Amino acid sequence: MFKTLIGLLILIADIWAILQVFNSRVSTAAKILWTLLILIFPVVGFIIWFFAGPGGKKI
């Protein structure tokens, strides 16, 4: 049950990140690269996108 919940949370976070990438103003090539990174490496890709993604979030 716990693993299922974690997997579902990761899936939701990745879908949200991909939607944010497509709504950003970066080039199409950058959108494709970010999307591939998130899809191939779901957890690590999301973390990298969160800190260095198209929005340039500063935390």
Protein backbone atom coordinates (compact mmCIF):
# COMPACT_ATOMS: atom_id res chain seq x y z
CA MET A 1 0.00 0.00 0.00
CA PHE A 2 2.78 2.44 0.92
CA LYS A 3 4.71 1.74 -2.30
CA THR A 4 1.55 2.31 -4.32
CA LEU A 5 0.98 5.67 -2.65
CA ILE A 6 4.57 6.76 -3.27
CA GLY A 7 4.32 5.68 -6.90
CA LEU A 8 1.07 7.59 -7.33
CA LEU A 9 2.58 10.74 -5.80
CA ILE A 10 5.58 10.50 -8.14
CA LEU A 11 3.27 10.05 -11.13
CA ILE A 12 1.20 13.10 -10.14
CA ALA A 13 4.33 15.21 -9.60
CA ASP A 14 5.76 14.16 -12.97
CA ILE A 15 2.52 14.93 -14.81
CA TRP A 16 2.38 18.33 -13.13
CA ALA A 17 6.01 19.04 -14.06
CA ILE A 18 5.42 18.07 -17.69
CA LEU A 19 2.36 20.33 -17.87
CA GLN A 20 4.43 23.18 -16.44
CA VAL A 21 7.13 22.55 -19.05
CA PHE A 22 4.59 22.74 -21.88
CA ASN A 23 3.13 25.95 -20.45
CA SER A 24 6.55 27.60 -20.21
CA ARG A 25 7.99 30.00 -22.77
CA VAL A 26 11.08 27.97 -23.62
CA SER A 27 11.83 26.61 -27.07
CA THR A 28 10.23 23.45 -28.38
CA ALA A 29 13.58 21.64 -28.23
CA ALA A 30 13.96 22.54 -24.55
CA LYS A 31 10.42 21.36 -23.85
CA ILE A 32 11.17 18.01 -25.49
CA LEU A 33 14.44 17.60 -23.57
CA TRP A 34 12.85 18.44 -20.21
CA THR A 35 9.94 16.09 -20.90
CA LEU A 36 12.28 13.24 -21.84
CA LEU A 37 14.37 13.82 -18.72
CA ILE A 38 11.26 13.67 -16.51
CA LEU A 39 9.89 10.59 -18.29
CA ILE A 40 13.16 8.61 -18.34
CA PHE A 41 14.20 9.49 -14.77
CA PRO A 42 10.92 10.18 -12.94
CA VAL A 43 12.27 11.07 -9.50
CA VAL A 44 15.66 12.55 -10.38
CA GLY A 45 14.26 14.29 -13.47
CA PHE A 46 11.53 15.93 -11.40
CA ILE A 47 14.03 17.12 -8.79
CA ILE A 48 16.37 18.54 -11.45
CA TRP A 49 13.44 20.22 -13.21
CA PHE A 50 12.17 21.66 -9.93
CA PHE A 51 15.44 23.44 -9.18
CA ALA A 52 16.74 24.19 -12.69
CA GLY A 53 13.73 23.90 -14.97
CA PRO A 54 12.36 26.33 -17.54
CA GLY A 55 10.89 28.57 -14.86
CA GLY A 56 14.29 29.08 -13.27
CA LYS A 57 12.93 28.66 -9.75
CA LYS A 58 15.13 30.09 -7.07
CA ILE A 59 14.72 28.56 -3.62
